[in-house]
Amino acid sequence: MIEPVLEDLGFRLVRVHITGGPSATLQIMAERPDGTISIDDCETISKQLSPVLDVADALPGTYRLEVSSPGIDRPLVRPSDFEAWAGQVVKIELKELVDGRRRFRGTIEGYEEGEARIEIEIEGQGEAVIGLPIGLIAEAKLVLTDELIRESLRRAKKKDKGGLADGSVAPDDIEHESKEDK
């Protein structure tokens, strides 16, 4: 129910994350197709999503809606993300073991034949490019490095839009109540 609202506004969904507790947080990460988003964009998204979530009674009880950018050390969620951020360092956690490992850190080489391709250091063997099946990736996130900061600043300057220089924005936190709490 979130993605159509974002698409109508000209954004794409990056991630939805729900944290529990007595007052849950529903975190929506979004961006324009060019990777930018401004604070005003986050506010617009929040105002458009709030009534949709309230009508659908998406989460029981009180919850906080947080709309934000993916930030510099963004999660990678689509095959195209591995192409767009090739050359950057990534941490990947898999849903299950592959060759006795669940966690990998390396330089992104791209995406090919259903696999995220990364160059890793194999102890005693040197560097090797491996493919990790995209369906096995539980989480992939860019690692904050000087090179990533330089690349993010270069992209922001090139786009020259309303996002902050580091590609991130402050979250727009708004308390919401479900129908049951009203």
Protein backbone atom coordinates (compact mmCIF):
# COMPACT_ATOMS: atom_id res chain seq x y z
CA MET A 1 0.00 0.00 0.00
CA ILE A 2 3.00 2.31 0.45
CA GLU A 3 4.63 1.86 -2.96
CA PRO A 4 1.71 3.13 -5.08
CA VAL A 5 1.49 6.33 -3.01
CA LEU A 6 5.22 6.91 -3.44
CA GLU A 7 5.09 6.18 -7.17
CA ASP A 8 2.20 8.64 -7.63
CA LEU A 9 4.38 11.29 -5.96
CA GLY A 10 7.36 10.48 -8.18
CA PHE A 11 9.42 8.53 -5.63
CA ARG A 12 10.57 4.97 -5.31
CA LEU A 13 10.49 2.88 -2.18
CA VAL A 14 13.88 1.89 -0.82
CA ARG A 15 12.93 0.11 2.39
CA VAL A 16 10.16 -0.39 4.93
CA HIS A 17 11.28 -1.28 8.44
CA ILE A 18 9.07 -1.78 11.49
CA THR A 19 10.43 -1.78 15.02
CA GLY A 20 8.25 -3.10 17.79
CA GLY A 21 7.54 -2.19 21.35
CA PRO A 22 4.67 -0.38 23.02
CA SER A 23 4.94 2.37 20.40
CA ALA A 24 6.17 0.97 17.09
CA THR A 25 8.12 2.90 14.47
CA LEU A 26 7.30 2.49 10.80
CA GLN A 27 10.37 3.65 8.88
CA ILE A 28 9.96 4.42 5.18
CA MET A 29 13.08 5.13 3.13
CA ALA A 30 12.36 6.69 -0.23
CA GLU A 31 14.10 8.61 -3.00
CA ARG A 32 13.50 10.13 -6.39
CA PRO A 33 14.60 7.99 -9.37
CA ASP A 34 17.80 10.08 -9.49
CA GLY A 35 18.58 9.20 -5.85
CA THR A 36 17.72 12.56 -4.29
CA ILE A 37 15.15 13.54 -1.68
CA SER A 38 14.67 16.72 0.32
CA ILE A 39 13.21 17.44 3.73
CA ASP A 40 10.17 18.95 2.01
CA ASP A 41 9.79 15.72 0.00
CA CYS A 42 9.80 13.71 3.25
CA GLU A 43 7.08 15.95 4.65
CA THR A 44 4.98 15.56 1.48
CA ILE A 45 5.35 11.78 1.58
CA SER A 46 4.40 11.69 5.25
CA LYS A 47 1.29 13.80 4.69
CA GLN A 48 0.17 11.61 1.77
CA LEU A 49 0.93 8.29 3.46
CA SER A 50 -0.63 9.07 6.86
CA PRO A 51 -4.29 8.92 5.76
CA VAL A 52 -3.67 5.77 3.70
CA LEU A 53 -2.05 4.03 6.67
CA ASP A 54 -4.80 5.21 9.03
CA VAL A 55 -7.60 3.94 6.77
CA ALA A 56 -5.85 0.60 6.28
CA ASP A 57 -5.17 0.40 10.03
CA ALA A 58 -1.71 -0.84 9.02
CA LEU A 59 -0.32 -1.13 12.55
CA PRO A 60 -2.32 -1.73 15.71
CA GLY A 61 -1.94 0.84 18.46
CA THR A 62 0.12 3.99 18.40
CA TYR A 63 3.07 4.17 16.05
CA ARG A 64 5.55 6.69 14.74
CA LEU A 65 5.91 7.22 11.00
CA GLU A 66 9.47 8.08 10.00
CA VAL A 67 10.13 9.11 6.40
CA SER A 68 13.77 9.56 5.44
CA SER A 69 16.38 9.24 2.73
CA PRO A 70 18.52 6.13 2.53
CA GLY A 71 21.55 8.29 3.49
CA ILE A 72 25.12 7.89 2.34
CA ASP A 73 25.63 4.41 3.80
CA ARG A 74 22.37 3.31 2.22
CA PRO A 75 20.90 -0.16 2.09
CA LEU A 76 21.14 -1.87 -1.29
CA VAL A 77 17.81 -3.50 -2.08
CA ARG A 78 17.59 -3.89 -5.86
CA PRO A 79 19.89 -5.53 -8.39
CA SER A 80 20.29 -2.08 -9.98
CA ASP A 81 21.73 -0.79 -6.68
CA PHE A 82 24.69 -3.14 -7.08
CA GLU A 83 25.29 -1.72 -10.55
CA ALA A 84 24.84 1.91 -9.49
CA TRP A 85 27.26 1.62 -6.57
CA ALA A 86 29.92 -0.57 -8.21
CA GLY A 87 33.37 0.24 -6.85
CA GLN A 88 32.08 0.98 -3.33
CA VAL A 89 32.58 -1.15 -0.22
CA VAL A 90 29.57 -3.14 0.97
CA LYS A 91 28.66 -5.31 3.96
CA ILE A 92 26.30 -8.16 3.12
CA GLU A 93 24.51 -10.50 5.50
CA LEU A 94 22.89 -13.59 4.05
CA LYS A 95 19.78 -15.46 5.19
CA GLU A 96 21.77 -18.70 5.27
CA LEU A 97 25.37 -19.86 5.15
CA VAL A 98 27.28 -19.92 1.87
CA ASP A 99 30.66 -21.66 2.02
CA GLY A 100 30.40 -21.60 5.81
CA ARG A 101 29.85 -17.84 5.97
CA ARG A 102 26.89 -15.56 6.44
CA ARG A 103 28.64 -12.16 6.44
CA PHE A 104 30.73 -10.70 3.64
CA ARG A 105 32.52 -7.41 3.16
CA GLY A 106 34.03 -6.39 -0.14
CA THR A 107 34.04 -4.08 -3.12
CA ILE A 108 30.95 -4.16 -5.32
CA GLU A 109 31.65 -5.42 -8.83
CA GLY A 110 28.02 -5.23 -10.01
CA TYR A 111 25.14 -7.60 -10.61
CA GLU A 112 25.13 -10.53 -13.00
CA GLU A 113 22.91 -13.56 -13.57
CA GLY A 114 20.94 -13.21 -10.34
CA GLU A 115 23.97 -12.54 -8.15
CA ALA A 116 25.48 -9.53 -6.42
CA ARG A 117 29.14 -9.65 -7.41
CA ILE A 118 31.71 -8.51 -4.86
CA GLU A 119 35.48 -8.71 -4.59
CA ILE A 120 36.54 -10.10 -1.22
CA GLU A 121 39.79 -11.03 0.47
CA ILE A 122 40.05 -14.78 1.00
CA GLU A 123 42.50 -15.64 3.74
CA GLY A 124 45.61 -17.23 2.31
CA GLN A 125 44.35 -16.92 -1.27
CA GLY A 126 44.21 -13.19 -1.94
CA GLU A 127 41.34 -11.37 -3.62
CA ALA A 128 38.54 -13.08 -5.52
CA VAL A 129 35.25 -11.99 -7.07
CA ILE A 130 32.31 -14.02 -5.78
CA GLY A 131 28.61 -14.02 -6.59
CA LEU A 132 26.01 -14.00 -3.85
CA PRO A 133 22.46 -14.96 -4.90
CA ILE A 134 20.28 -11.88 -4.56
CA GLY A 135 17.49 -13.99 -3.02
CA LEU A 136 19.76 -15.01 -0.14
CA ILE A 137 20.67 -11.45 0.85
CA ALA A 138 19.04 -10.48 4.14
CA GLU A 139 20.75 -7.09 4.27
CA ALA A 140 23.29 -5.23 2.16
CA LYS A 141 24.56 -1.81 3.14
CA LEU A 142 27.25 0.51 1.82
CA VAL A 143 30.17 1.07 4.18
CA LEU A 144 30.93 4.69 5.01
CA THR A 145 34.36 5.38 3.51
CA ASP A 146 36.13 8.50 2.32
CA GLU A 147 35.62 7.31 -1.26
CA LEU A 148 31.86 6.88 -0.68
CA ILE A 149 31.63 10.38 0.78
CA ARG A 150 33.49 11.81 -2.23
CA GLU A 151 31.22 9.91 -4.64
CA SER A 152 28.07 11.01 -2.80
CA LEU A 153 29.19 14.65 -2.88
CA ARG A 154 30.02 14.34 -6.58
CA ARG A 155 26.57 12.89 -7.32
CA ALA A 156 24.82 15.55 -5.21
CA LYS A 157 26.73 18.33 -6.95
CA LYS A 158 25.96 16.84 -10.36
CA LYS A 159 22.24 16.63 -9.60
CA ASP A 160 22.18 20.00 -7.82
CA LYS A 161 18.79 19.32 -6.25
CA GLY A 162 17.11 19.79 -2.86
CA GLY A 163 18.76 16.91 -0.95
CA LEU A 164 21.42 17.66 1.64
CA ALA A 165 25.03 17.63 0.46
CA ASP A 166 25.64 14.19 1.97
CA GLY A 167 22.61 12.75 0.18
CA SER A 168 20.60 12.42 3.39
CA VAL A 169 17.80 14.28 5.11
CA ALA A 170 16.56 14.48 8.65
CA PRO A 171 13.65 12.15 9.31
CA ASP A 172 10.11 13.51 9.49
CA ASP A 173 8.77 11.93 12.68
CA ILE A 174 5.04 12.09 13.24
CA GLU A 175 3.03 10.25 15.89
CA HIS A 176 0.05 8.31 14.58
CA GLU A 177 -2.77 6.47 16.22
CA SER A 178 -4.73 3.57 14.83
CA LYS A 179 -8.52 3.66 14.67
CA GLU A 180 -8.63 1.70 17.94
CA ASP A 181 -6.80 4.46 19.81
CA LYS A 182 -8.99 7.30 18.53
